[in-house]
PDB file of N, CA and C in Angstrom:
ATOM      1  N   MET A   1       0.846  -1.172   0.000  1.00  0.00           N
ATOM      2  CA  MET A   1       0.000   0.000   0.000  1.00  0.00           C
ATOM      3  C   MET A   1       0.892   1.236   0.000  1.00  0.00           C
ATOM      4  N   SER A   2       0.783   2.008  -1.059  1.00  0.00           N
ATOM      5  CA  SER A   2       1.626   3.189  -1.197  1.00  0.00           C
ATOM      6  C   SER A   2       0.756   4.449  -1.233  1.00  0.00           C
ATOM      7  N   VAL A   3       0.886   5.259  -0.185  1.00  0.00           N
ATOM      8  CA  VAL A   3       0.156   6.524  -0.109  1.00  0.00           C
ATOM      9  C   VAL A   3       1.169   7.626   0.116  1.00  0.00           C
ATOM     10  N   ARG A   4       1.177   8.597  -0.788  1.00  0.00           N
ATOM     11  CA  ARG A   4       2.097   9.727  -0.676  1.00  0.00           C
ATOM     12  C   ARG A   4       1.316  11.014  -0.530  1.00  0.00           C
ATOM     13  N   VAL A   5       1.971  12.012   0.020  1.00  0.00           N
ATOM     14  CA  VAL A   5       1.379  13.348   0.140  1.00  0.00           C
ATOM     15  C   VAL A   5       2.288  14.307  -0.615  1.00  0.00           C
ATOM     16  N   ARG A   6       1.685  15.103  -1.497  1.00  0.00           N
ATOM     17  CA  ARG A   6       2.442  16.083  -2.266  1.00  0.00           C
ATOM     18  C   ARG A   6       1.630  17.349  -2.404  1.00  0.00           C
ATOM     19  N   ARG A   7       2.329  18.410  -2.725  1.00  0.00           N
ATOM     20  CA  ARG A   7       1.634  19.673  -3.008  1.00  0.00           C
ATOM     21  C   ARG A   7       1.040  19.598  -4.408  1.00  0.00           C
ATOM     22  N   VAL A   8      -0.148  20.140  -4.565  1.00  0.00           N
ATOM     23  CA  VAL A   8      -0.817  20.131  -5.849  1.00  0.00           C
ATOM     24  C   VAL A   8      -0.052  20.985  -6.865  1.00  0.00           C
ATOM     25  N   TYR A   9       0.781  21.883  -6.378  1.00  0.00           N
ATOM     26  CA  TYR A   9       1.572  22.755  -7.251  1.00  0.00           C
ATOM     27  C   TYR A   9       2.796  22.038  -7.832  1.00  0.00           C
ATOM     28  N   ASP A  10       3.166  20.895  -7.266  1.00  0.00           N
ATOM     29  CA  ASP A  10       4.280  20.120  -7.816  1.00  0.00           C
ATOM     30  C   ASP A  10       3.812  19.428  -9.090  1.00  0.00           C
ATOM     31  N   PRO A  11       4.695  19.328 -10.086  1.00  0.00           N
ATOM     32  CA  PRO A  11       4.268  18.677 -11.319  1.00  0.00           C
ATOM     33  C   PRO A  11       4.026  17.175 -11.094  1.00  0.00           C
ATOM     34  N   PRO A  12       3.070  16.607 -11.822  1.00  0.00           N
ATOM     35  CA  PRO A  12       2.831  15.169 -11.721  1.00  0.00           C
ATOM     36  C   PRO A  12       4.088  14.387 -12.089  1.00  0.00           C
ATOM     37  N   GLU A  13       4.253  13.247 -11.442  1.00  0.00           N
ATOM     38  CA  GLU A  13       5.404  12.385 -11.704  1.00  0.00           C
ATOM     39  C   GLU A  13       4.929  10.994 -12.064  1.00  0.00           C
ATOM     40  N   PRO A  14       5.724  10.273 -12.839  1.00  0.00           N
ATOM     41  CA  PRO A  14       5.383   8.876 -13.069  1.00  0.00           C
ATOM     42  C   PRO A  14       5.361   8.160 -11.708  1.00  0.00           C
ATOM     43  N   GLY A  15       4.462   7.266 -11.533  1.00  0.00           N
ATOM     44  CA  GLY A  15       4.384   6.552 -10.274  1.00  0.00           C
ATOM     45  C   GLY A  15       3.476   7.207  -9.245  1.00  0.00           C
ATOM     46  N   ASN A  16       2.862   8.358  -9.599  1.00  0.00           N
ATOM     47  CA  ASN A  16       1.917   8.990  -8.674  1.00  0.00           C
ATOM     48  C   ASN A  16       0.691   8.116  -8.451  1.00  0.00           C
ATOM     49  N   GLY A  17       0.366   7.303  -9.416  1.00  0.00           N
ATOM     50  CA  GLY A  17      -0.842   6.505  -9.302  1.00  0.00           C
ATOM     51  C   GLY A  17      -2.059   7.400  -9.381  1.00  0.00           C
ATOM     52  N   VAL A  18      -3.062   7.100  -8.579  1.00  0.00           N
ATOM     53  CA  VAL A  18      -4.281   7.903  -8.552  1.00  0.00           C
ATOM     54  C   VAL A  18      -3.993   9.190  -7.784  1.00  0.00           C
ATOM     55  N   ARG A  19      -4.272  10.306  -8.416  1.00  0.00           N
ATOM     56  CA  ARG A  19      -4.022  11.608  -7.801  1.00  0.00           C
ATOM     57  C   ARG A  19      -5.332  12.133  -7.220  1.00  0.00           C
ATOM     58  N   VAL A  20      -5.329  12.361  -5.899  1.00  0.00           N
ATOM     59  CA  VAL A  20      -6.546  12.717  -5.177  1.00  0.00           C
ATOM     60  C   VAL A  20      -6.358  14.066  -4.490  1.00  0.00           C
ATOM     61  N   LEU A  21      -7.167  15.043  -4.882  1.00  0.00           N
ATOM     62  CA  LEU A  21      -7.141  16.344  -4.217  1.00  0.00           C
ATOM     63  C   LEU A  21      -7.913  16.220  -2.910  1.00  0.00           C
ATOM     64  N   VAL A  22      -7.281  16.559  -1.807  1.00  0.00           N
ATOM     65  CA  VAL A  22      -7.912  16.422  -0.493  1.00  0.00           C
ATOM     66  C   VAL A  22      -8.137  17.777   0.178  1.00  0.00           C
ATOM     67  N   ASP A  23      -8.267  18.823  -0.616  1.00  0.00           N
ATOM     68  CA  ASP A  23      -8.627  20.156  -0.129  1.00  0.00           C
ATOM     69  C   ASP A  23     -10.073  20.433  -0.495  1.00  0.00           C
ATOM     70  N   ARG A  24     -10.778  21.158   0.341  1.00  0.00           N
ATOM     71  CA  ARG A  24     -12.187  21.470   0.090  1.00  0.00           C
ATOM     72  C   ARG A  24     -12.344  22.446  -1.077  1.00  0.00           C
ATOM     73  N   LEU A  25     -11.407  23.386  -1.202  1.00  0.00           N
ATOM     74  CA  LEU A  25     -11.459  24.386  -2.268  1.00  0.00           C
ATOM     75  C   LEU A  25     -10.418  24.078  -3.330  1.00  0.00           C
ATOM     76  N   TRP A  26     -10.738  24.420  -4.575  1.00  0.00           N
ATOM     77  CA  TRP A  26      -9.761  24.228  -5.650  1.00  0.00           C
ATOM     78  C   TRP A  26      -8.601  25.190  -5.423  1.00  0.00           C
ATOM     79  N   PRO A  27      -7.354  24.722  -5.538  1.00  0.00           N
ATOM     80  CA  PRO A  27      -6.193  25.586  -5.283  1.00  0.00           C
ATOM     81  C   PRO A  27      -6.059  26.711  -6.310  1.00  0.00           C
ATOM     82  N   ARG A  28      -5.682  27.857  -5.811  1.00  0.00           N
ATOM     83  CA  ARG A  28      -5.509  29.030  -6.674  1.00  0.00           C
ATOM     84  C   ARG A  28      -4.353  28.830  -7.638  1.00  0.00           C
ATOM     85  N   GLY A  29      -4.555  29.313  -8.847  1.00  0.00           N
ATOM     86  CA  GLY A  29      -3.489  29.358  -9.818  1.00  0.00           C
ATOM     87  C   GLY A  29      -3.143  28.035 -10.472  1.00  0.00           C
ATOM     88  N   VAL A  30      -3.952  27.006 -10.257  1.00  0.00           N
ATOM     89  CA  VAL A  30      -3.672  25.702 -10.866  1.00  0.00           C
ATOM     90  C   VAL A  30      -4.865  25.324 -11.739  1.00  0.00           C
ATOM     91  N   SER A  31      -4.588  25.079 -13.002  1.00  0.00           N
ATOM     92  CA  SER A  31      -5.673  24.646 -13.877  1.00  0.00           C
ATOM     93  C   SER A  31      -5.965  23.175 -13.631  1.00  0.00           C
ATOM     94  N   LYS A  32      -7.154  22.785 -13.949  1.00  0.00           N
ATOM     95  CA  LYS A  32      -7.525  21.377 -13.782  1.00  0.00           C
ATOM     96  C   LYS A  32      -6.675  20.485 -14.675  1.00  0.00           C
ATOM     97  N   ALA A  33      -6.328  20.967 -15.838  1.00  0.00           N
ATOM     98  CA  ALA A  33      -5.488  20.176 -16.744  1.00  0.00           C
ATOM     99  C   ALA A  33      -4.090  19.991 -16.164  1.00  0.00           C
ATOM    100  N   ALA A  34      -3.528  21.038 -15.588  1.00  0.00           N
ATOM    101  CA  ALA A  34      -2.174  20.949 -15.029  1.00  0.00           C
ATOM    102  C   ALA A  34      -2.138  20.095 -13.764  1.00  0.00           C
ATOM    103  N   ALA A  35      -3.193  20.140 -12.983  1.00  0.00           N
ATOM    104  CA  ALA A  35      -3.219  19.399 -11.718  1.00  0.00           C
ATOM    105  C   ALA A  35      -3.367  17.897 -11.942  1.00  0.00           C
ATOM    106  N   ARG A  36      -4.040  17.523 -13.013  1.00  0.00           N
ATOM    107  CA  ARG A  36      -4.271  16.111 -13.340  1.00  0.00           C
ATOM    108  C   ARG A  36      -4.823  15.338 -12.136  1.00  0.00           C
ATOM    109  N   VAL A  37      -5.893  15.862 -11.584  1.00  0.00           N
ATOM    110  CA  VAL A  37      -6.556  15.243 -10.435  1.00  0.00           C
ATOM    111  C   VAL A  37      -7.526  14.178 -10.939  1.00  0.00           C
ATOM    112  N   ASP A  38      -7.431  12.992 -10.352  1.00  0.00           N
ATOM    113  CA  ASP A  38      -8.326  11.898 -10.726  1.00  0.00           C
ATOM    114  C   ASP A  38      -9.580  11.864  -9.865  1.00  0.00           C
ATOM    115  N   GLU A  39      -9.444  12.240  -8.597  1.00  0.00           N
ATOM    116  CA  GLU A  39     -10.579  12.210  -7.670  1.00  0.00           C
ATOM    117  C   GLU A  39     -10.506  13.451  -6.777  1.00  0.00           C
ATOM    118  N   TRP A  40     -11.683  13.893  -6.342  1.00  0.00           N
ATOM    119  CA  TRP A  40     -11.759  15.059  -5.442  1.00  0.00           C
ATOM    120  C   TRP A  40     -12.881  14.817  -4.439  1.00  0.00           C
ATOM    121  N   PRO A  41     -12.658  13.951  -3.449  1.00  0.00           N
ATOM    122  CA  PRO A  41     -13.689  13.622  -2.469  1.00  0.00           C
ATOM    123  C   PRO A  41     -13.754  14.668  -1.347  1.00  0.00           C
ATOM    124  N   LYS A  42     -14.574  15.657  -1.523  1.00  0.00           N
ATOM    125  CA  LYS A  42     -14.653  16.757  -0.551  1.00  0.00           C
ATOM    126  C   LYS A  42     -15.102  16.290   0.828  1.00  0.00           C
ATOM    127  N   ALA A  43     -15.758  15.140   0.891  1.00  0.00           N
ATOM    128  CA  ALA A  43     -16.249  14.635   2.179  1.00  0.00           C
ATOM    129  C   ALA A  43     -15.111  14.227   3.120  1.00  0.00           C
ATOM    130  N   VAL A  44     -13.902  14.014   2.600  1.00  0.00           N
ATOM    131  CA  VAL A  44     -12.786  13.630   3.478  1.00  0.00           C
ATOM    132  C   VAL A  44     -11.913  14.822   3.848  1.00  0.00           C
ATOM    133  N   THR A  45     -12.349  16.011   3.468  1.00  0.00           N
ATOM    134  CA  THR A  45     -11.584  17.204   3.830  1.00  0.00           C
ATOM    135  C   THR A  45     -12.069  17.731   5.176  1.00  0.00           C
ATOM    136  N   PRO A  46     -11.221  18.417   5.917  1.00  0.00           N
ATOM    137  CA  PRO A  46     -11.678  18.992   7.187  1.00  0.00           C
ATOM    138  C   PRO A  46     -12.796  20.004   6.954  1.00  0.00           C
ATOM    139  N   SER A  47     -13.717  20.073   7.896  1.00  0.00           N
ATOM    140  CA  SER A  47     -14.802  21.041   7.783  1.00  0.00           C
ATOM    141  C   SER A  47     -14.233  22.458   7.808  1.00  0.00           C
ATOM    142  N   THR A  48     -15.014  23.378   7.290  1.00  0.00           N
ATOM    143  CA  THR A  48     -14.617  24.780   7.297  1.00  0.00           C
ATOM    144  C   THR A  48     -14.353  25.247   8.726  1.00  0.00           C
ATOM    145  N   GLU A  49     -15.220  24.839   9.650  1.00  0.00           N
ATOM    146  CA  GLU A  49     -15.066  25.244  11.050  1.00  0.00           C
ATOM    147  C   GLU A  49     -13.753  24.732  11.634  1.00  0.00           C
ATOM    148  N   LEU A  50     -13.414  23.480  11.345  1.00  0.00           N
ATOM    149  CA  LEU A  50     -12.169  22.909  11.869  1.00  0.00           C
ATOM    150  C   LEU A  50     -10.953  23.601  11.257  1.00  0.00           C
ATOM    151  N   ARG A  51     -11.004  23.847   9.958  1.00  0.00           N
ATOM    152  CA  ARG A  51      -9.881  24.544   9.305  1.00  0.00           C
ATOM    153  C   ARG A  51      -9.669  25.921   9.920  1.00  0.00           C
ATOM    154  N   ARG A  52     -10.758  26.662  10.093  1.00  0.00           N
ATOM    155  CA  ARG A  52     -10.643  28.015  10.659  1.00  0.00           C
ATOM    156  C   ARG A  52     -10.116  27.967  12.085  1.00  0.00           C
ATOM    157  N   TRP A  53     -10.606  27.030  12.873  1.00  0.00           N
ATOM    158  CA  TRP A  53     -10.145  26.878  14.256  1.00  0.00           C
ATOM    159  C   TRP A  53      -8.637  26.614  14.290  1.00  0.00           C
ATOM    160  N   TYR A  54      -8.187  25.700  13.468  1.00  0.00           N
ATOM    161  CA  TYR A  54      -6.774  25.318  13.477  1.00  0.00           C
ATOM    162  C   TYR A  54      -5.881  26.451  12.968  1.00  0.00           C
ATOM    163  N   HIS A  55      -6.287  27.078  11.882  1.00  0.00           N
ATOM    164  CA  HIS A  55      -5.456  28.146  11.306  1.00  0.00           C
ATOM    165  C   HIS A  55      -5.468  29.420  12.140  1.00  0.00           C
ATOM    166  N   ALA A  56      -6.448  29.566  13.006  1.00  0.00           N
ATOM    167  CA  ALA A  56      -6.498  30.723  13.901  1.00  0.00           C
ATOM    168  C   ALA A  56      -5.639  30.494  15.144  1.00  0.00           C
ATOM    169  N   GLY A  57      -4.985  29.340  15.219  1.00  0.00           N
ATOM    170  CA  GLY A  57      -4.144  29.043  16.374  1.00  0.00           C
ATOM    171  C   GLY A  57      -4.944  28.508  17.549  1.00  0.00           C
ATOM    172  N   GLY A  58      -6.080  27.892  17.246  1.00  0.00           N
ATOM    173  CA  GLY A  58      -6.968  27.405  18.287  1.00  0.00           C
ATOM    174  C   GLY A  58      -6.446  26.241  19.105  1.00  0.00           C
ATOM    175  N   GLY A  59      -5.498  25.511  18.581  1.00  0.00           N
ATOM    176  CA  GLY A  59      -5.032  24.352  19.331  1.00  0.00           C
ATOM    177  C   GLY A  59      -3.838  23.684  18.685  1.00  0.00           C
ATOM    178  N   SER A  60      -3.448  22.600  19.282  1.00  0.00           N
ATOM    179  CA  SER A  60      -2.263  21.863  18.834  1.00  0.00           C
ATOM    180  C   SER A  60      -2.595  20.983  17.625  1.00  0.00           C
ATOM    181  N   HIS A  61      -1.555  20.513  16.977  1.00  0.00           N
ATOM    182  CA  HIS A  61      -1.736  19.601  15.859  1.00  0.00           C
ATOM    183  C   HIS A  61      -2.369  18.296  16.335  1.00  0.00           C
ATOM    184  N   ASP A  62      -2.031  17.856  17.534  1.00  0.00           N
ATOM    185  CA  ASP A  62      -2.629  16.633  18.078  1.00  0.00           C
ATOM    186  C   ASP A  62      -4.138  16.797  18.264  1.00  0.00           C
ATOM    187  N   GLU A  63      -4.565  17.949  18.756  1.00  0.00           N
ATOM    188  CA  GLU A  63      -5.995  18.195  18.926  1.00  0.00           C
ATOM    189  C   GLU A  63      -6.682  18.294  17.563  1.00  0.00           C
ATOM    190  N   PHE A  64      -6.013  18.937  16.614  1.00  0.00           N
ATOM    191  CA  PHE A  64      -6.554  19.001  15.251  1.00  0.00           C
ATOM    192  C   PHE A  64      -6.734  17.592  14.708  1.00  0.00           C
ATOM    193  N   ARG A  65      -5.718  16.748  14.863  1.00  0.00           N
ATOM    194  CA  ARG A  65      -5.783  15.372  14.375  1.00  0.00           C
ATOM    195  C   ARG A  65      -6.973  14.638  14.999  1.00  0.00           C
ATOM    196  N   ARG A  66      -7.143  14.782  16.310  1.00  0.00           N
ATOM    197  CA  ARG A  66      -8.237  14.102  17.001  1.00  0.00           C
ATOM    198  C   ARG A  66      -9.589  14.547  16.436  1.00  0.00           C
ATOM    199  N   ARG A  67      -9.759  15.853  16.259  1.00  0.00           N
ATOM    200  CA  ARG A  67     -11.027  16.379  15.741  1.00  0.00           C
ATOM    201  C   ARG A  67     -11.256  15.972  14.287  1.00  0.00           C
ATOM    202  N   TYR A  68     -10.198  15.983  13.504  1.00  0.00           N
ATOM    203  CA  TYR A  68     -10.305  15.595  12.093  1.00  0.00           C
ATOM    204  C   TYR A  68     -10.661  14.113  11.972  1.00  0.00           C
ATOM    205  N   GLU A  69     -10.031  13.275  12.776  1.00  0.00           N
ATOM    206  CA  GLU A  69     -10.345  11.851  12.743  1.00  0.00           C
ATOM    207  C   GLU A  69     -11.804  11.612  13.145  1.00  0.00           C
ATOM    208  N   ALA A  70     -12.327  12.413  14.060  1.00  0.00           N
ATOM    209  CA  ALA A  70     -13.739  12.304  14.438  1.00  0.00           C
ATOM    210  C   ALA A  70     -14.630  12.679  13.248  1.00  0.00           C
ATOM    211  N   GLU A  71     -14.247  13.698  12.492  1.00  0.00           N
ATOM    212  CA  GLU A  71     -15.016  14.060  11.302  1.00  0.00           C
ATOM    213  C   GLU A  71     -14.971  12.947  10.252  1.00  0.00           C
ATOM    214  N   LEU A  72     -13.829  12.293  10.135  1.00  0.00           N
ATOM    215  CA  LEU A  72     -13.692  11.215   9.157  1.00  0.00           C
ATOM    216  C   LEU A  72     -14.514   9.982   9.526  1.00  0.00           C
ATOM    217  N   ALA A  73     -14.970   9.907  10.768  1.00  0.00           N
ATOM    218  CA  ALA A  73     -15.775   8.769  11.222  1.00  0.00           C
ATOM    219  C   ALA A  73     -17.257   8.942  10.882  1.00  0.00           C
ATOM    220  N   THR A  74     -17.647  10.113  10.390  1.00  0.00           N
ATOM    221  CA  THR A  74     -19.045  10.312  10.013  1.00  0.00           C
ATOM    222  C   THR A  74     -19.370   9.418   8.813  1.00  0.00           C
ATOM    223  N   PRO A  75     -20.625   9.017   8.648  1.00  0.00           N
ATOM    224  CA  PRO A  75     -20.965   8.077   7.571  1.00  0.00           C
ATOM    225  C   PRO A  75     -20.535   8.530   6.175  1.00  0.00           C
ATOM    226  N   GLU A  76     -20.780   9.782   5.827  1.00  0.00           N
ATOM    227  CA  GLU A  76     -20.409  10.245   4.480  1.00  0.00           C
ATOM    228  C   GLU A  76     -18.902  10.195   4.272  1.00  0.00           C
ATOM    229  N   ALA A  77     -18.148  10.692   5.235  1.00  0.00           N
ATOM    230  CA  ALA A  77     -16.690  10.683   5.115  1.00  0.00           C
ATOM    231  C   ALA A  77     -16.163   9.257   5.116  1.00  0.00           C
ATOM    232  N   ALA A  78     -16.728   8.402   5.965  1.00  0.00           N
ATOM    233  CA  ALA A  78     -16.264   7.019   6.057  1.00  0.00           C
ATOM    234  C   ALA A  78     -16.426   6.291   4.727  1.00  0.00           C
ATOM    235  N   GLU A  79     -17.500   6.587   4.022  1.00  0.00           N
ATOM    236  CA  GLU A  79     -17.725   5.970   2.711  1.00  0.00           C
ATOM    237  C   GLU A  79     -16.607   6.350   1.729  1.00  0.00           C
ATOM    238  N   HIS A  80     -16.257   7.621   1.698  1.00  0.00           N
ATOM    239  CA  HIS A  80     -15.195   8.083   0.800  1.00  0.00           C
ATOM    240  C   HIS A  80     -13.823   7.595   1.273  1.00  0.00           C
ATOM    241  N   LEU A  81     -13.635   7.500   2.565  1.00  0.00           N
ATOM    242  CA  LEU A  81     -12.383   6.975   3.111  1.00  0.00           C
ATOM    243  C   LEU A  81     -12.198   5.515   2.692  1.00  0.00           C
ATOM    244  N   GLU A  82     -13.276   4.753   2.717  1.00  0.00           N
ATOM    245  CA  GLU A  82     -13.226   3.361   2.248  1.00  0.00           C
ATOM    246  C   GLU A  82     -12.799   3.296   0.795  1.00  0.00           C
ATOM    247  N   ARG A  83     -13.334   4.194  -0.009  1.00  0.00           N
ATOM    248  CA  ARG A  83     -12.967   4.234  -1.437  1.00  0.00           C
ATOM    249  C   ARG A  83     -11.470   4.500  -1.593  1.00  0.00           C
ATOM    250  N   LEU A  84     -10.936   5.433  -0.822  1.00  0.00           N
ATOM    251  CA  LEU A  84      -9.505   5.726  -0.891  1.00  0.00           C
ATOM    252  C   LEU A  84      -8.677   4.537  -0.417  1.00  0.00           C
ATOM    253  N   GLN A  85      -9.144   3.836   0.595  1.00  0.00           N
ATOM    254  CA  GLN A  85      -8.432   2.642   1.065  1.00  0.00           C
ATOM    255  C   GLN A  85      -8.411   1.576  -0.019  1.00  0.00           C
ATOM    256  N   GLU A  86      -9.519   1.412  -0.713  1.00  0.00           N
ATOM    257  CA  GLU A  86      -9.583   0.443  -1.809  1.00  0.00           C
ATOM    258  C   GLU A  86      -8.615   0.832  -2.921  1.00  0.00           C
ATOM    259  N   LEU A  87      -8.588   2.097  -3.282  1.00  0.00           N
ATOM    260  CA  LEU A  87      -7.652   2.566  -4.302  1.00  0.00           C
ATOM    261  C   LEU A  87      -6.208   2.295  -3.881  1.00  0.00           C
ATOM    262  N   SER A  88      -5.896   2.526  -2.617  1.00  0.00           N
ATOM    263  CA  SER A  88      -4.517   2.331  -2.148  1.00  0.00           C
ATOM    264  C   SER A  88      -4.137   0.853  -2.110  1.00  0.00           C
ATOM    265  N   ARG A  89      -5.106  -0.037  -1.979  1.00  0.00           N
ATOM    266  CA  ARG A  89      -4.802  -1.479  -2.035  1.00  0.00           C
ATOM    267  C   ARG A  89      -4.483  -1.913  -3.461  1.00  0.00           C
ATOM    268  N   ARG A  90      -5.035  -1.201  -4.438  1.00  0.00           N
ATOM    269  CA  ARG A  90      -4.823  -1.548  -5.851  1.00  0.00           C
ATOM    270  C   ARG A  90      -3.524  -0.988  -6.421  1.00  0.00           C
ATOM    271  N   GLY A  91      -3.026   0.105  -5.841  1.00  0.00           N
ATOM    272  CA  GLY A  91      -1.815   0.719  -6.381  1.00  0.00           C
ATOM    273  C   GLY A  91      -1.519   2.024  -5.679  1.00  0.00           C
ATOM    274  N   PRO A  92      -0.525   2.754  -6.176  1.00  0.00           N
ATOM    275  CA  PRO A  92      -0.135   4.010  -5.528  1.00  0.00           C
ATOM    276  C   PRO A  92      -1.252   5.053  -5.554  1.00  0.00           C
ATOM    277  N   VAL A  93      -1.307   5.827  -4.480  1.00  0.00           N
ATOM    278  CA  VAL A  93      -2.237   6.948  -4.359  1.00  0.00           C
ATOM    279  C   VAL A  93      -1.428   8.145  -3.888  1.00  0.00           C
ATOM    280  N   THR A  94      -1.627   9.273  -4.531  1.00  0.00           N
ATOM    281  CA  THR A  94      -0.975  10.512  -4.127  1.00  0.00           C
ATOM    282  C   THR A  94      -2.042  11.492  -3.681  1.00  0.00           C
ATOM    283  N   LEU A  95      -1.969  11.884  -2.401  1.00  0.00           N
ATOM    284  CA  LEU A  95      -2.891  12.872  -1.849  1.00  0.00           C
ATOM    285  C   LEU A  95      -2.318  14.255  -2.119  1.00  0.00           C
ATOM    286  N   LEU A  96      -3.099  15.104  -2.733  1.00  0.00           N
ATOM    287  CA  LEU A  96      -2.649  16.437  -3.125  1.00  0.00           C
ATOM    288  C   LEU A  96      -3.291  17.506  -2.254  1.00  0.00           C
ATOM    289  N   THR A  97      -2.466  18.458  -1.828  1.00  0.00           N
ATOM    290  CA  THR A  97      -2.954  19.569  -1.021  1.00  0.00           C
ATOM    291  C   THR A  97      -2.215  20.847  -1.426  1.00  0.00           C
ATOM    292  N   ALA A  98      -2.853  21.961  -1.199  1.00  0.00           N
ATOM    293  CA  ALA A  98      -2.220  23.256  -1.464  1.00  0.00           C
ATOM    294  C   ALA A  98      -1.415  23.734  -0.262  1.00  0.00           C
ATOM    295  N   SER A  99      -1.479  23.016   0.826  1.00  0.00           N
ATOM    296  CA  SER A  99      -0.773  23.406   2.051  1.00  0.00           C
ATOM    297  C   SER A  99       0.719  23.606   1.783  1.00  0.00           C
ATOM    298  N   ARG A 100       1.277  24.634   2.401  1.00  0.00           N
ATOM    299  CA  ARG A 100       2.722  24.889   2.246  1.00  0.00           C
ATOM    300  C   ARG A 100       3.561  23.863   2.983  1.00  0.00           C
ATOM    301  N   THR A 101       2.983  23.259   4.003  1.00  0.00           N
ATOM    302  CA  THR A 101       3.682  22.221   4.770  1.00  0.00           C
ATOM    303  C   THR A 101       2.832  20.956   4.791  1.00  0.00           C
ATOM    304  N   PRO A 102       2.838  20.213   3.707  1.00  0.00           N
ATOM    305  CA  PRO A 102       1.963  19.046   3.625  1.00  0.00           C
ATOM    306  C   PRO A 102       2.208  18.013   4.720  1.00  0.00           C
ATOM    307  N   GLU A 103       3.428  17.950   5.228  1.00  0.00           N
ATOM    308  CA  GLU A 103       3.740  16.975   6.282  1.00  0.00           C
ATOM    309  C   GLU A 103       3.069  17.316   7.606  1.00  0.00           C
ATOM    310  N   ASP A 104       2.607  18.551   7.768  1.00  0.00           N
ATOM    311  CA  ASP A 104       1.902  18.981   8.978  1.00  0.00           C
ATOM    312  C   ASP A 104       0.434  19.289   8.707  1.00  0.00           C
ATOM    313  N   SER A 105      -0.081  18.830   7.602  1.00  0.00           N
ATOM    314  CA  SER A 105      -1.438  19.177   7.207  1.00  0.00           C
ATOM    315  C   SER A 105      -2.408  18.019   7.433  1.00  0.00           C
ATOM    316  N   HIS A 106      -3.652  18.284   7.127  1.00  0.00           N
ATOM    317  CA  HIS A 106      -4.676  17.245   7.197  1.00  0.00           C
ATOM    318  C   HIS A 106      -4.360  16.095   6.243  1.00  0.00           C
ATOM    319  N   ALA A 107      -3.666  16.392   5.143  1.00  0.00           N
ATOM    320  CA  ALA A 107      -3.317  15.345   4.176  1.00  0.00           C
ATOM    321  C   ALA A 107      -2.415  14.294   4.821  1.00  0.00           C
ATOM    322  N   ALA A 108      -1.514  14.713   5.689  1.00  0.00           N
ATOM    323  CA  ALA A 108      -0.641  13.762   6.382  1.00  0.00           C
ATOM    324  C   ALA A 108      -1.439  12.896   7.353  1.00  0.00           C
ATOM    325  N   VAL A 109      -2.422  13.491   8.019  1.00  0.00           N
ATOM    326  CA  VAL A 109      -3.299  12.732   8.917  1.00  0.00           C
ATOM    327  C   VAL A 109      -4.068  11.690   8.112  1.00  0.00           C
ATOM    328  N   LEU A 110      -4.606  12.116   6.986  1.00  0.00           N
ATOM    329  CA  LEU A 110      -5.365  11.214   6.130  1.00  0.00           C
ATOM    330  C   LEU A 110      -4.468  10.096   5.595  1.00  0.00           C
ATOM    331  N   ALA A 111      -3.267  10.431   5.175  1.00  0.00           N
ATOM    332  CA  ALA A 111      -2.333   9.416   4.665  1.00  0.00           C
ATOM    333  C   ALA A 111      -2.014   8.383   5.733  1.00  0.00           C
ATOM    334  N   ALA A 112      -1.798   8.832   6.956  1.00  0.00           N
ATOM    335  CA  ALA A 112      -1.504   7.896   8.056  1.00  0.00           C
ATOM    336  C   ALA A 112      -2.670   6.941   8.274  1.00  0.00           C
ATOM    337  N   LEU A 113      -3.886   7.451   8.199  1.00  0.00           N
ATOM    338  CA  LEU A 113      -5.065   6.582   8.356  1.00  0.00           C
ATOM    339  C   LEU A 113      -5.146   5.560   7.224  1.00  0.00           C
ATOM    340  N   LEU A 114      -4.839   5.981   6.019  1.00  0.00           N
ATOM    341  CA  LEU A 114      -4.889   5.067   4.882  1.00  0.00           C
ATOM    342  C   LEU A 114      -3.798   4.005   4.947  1.00  0.00           C
ATOM    343  N   ARG A 115      -2.674   4.350   5.519  1.00  0.00           N
ATOM    344  CA  ARG A 115      -1.563   3.388   5.632  1.00  0.00           C
ATOM    345  C   ARG A 115      -1.781   2.371   6.748  1.00  0.00           C
ATOM    346  N   ALA A 116      -2.627   2.709   7.725  1.00  0.00           N
ATOM    347  CA  ALA A 116      -2.831   1.837   8.894  1.00  0.00           C
ATOM    348  C   ALA A 116      -3.567   0.564   8.546  1.00  0.00           C
TER     349      ALA A 116
END
């Protein structure tokens, strides 16, 4: 099972497998053709409220992770999470985010869940 996290602004590479945008909003300055996104499951993205809370300095990354994982347990998100797990069992999956620090973003939390 190969799950990677990359910035959507990085050019696609061979071996990316299925490219999945995991941001709720389309990233600025990137055309859909250039991004080459295969899937965009908005249900697995953090809620607007959670994003605002975290970016406003509301809490630690651990607390963000806990709250995000709780959101991913909702029925709609769980359905899309299952789909991503199935894709990752079939081949490589690259989670794409516009975050400047993808290793500290929700995409890294999601990748860890998919790898488990």
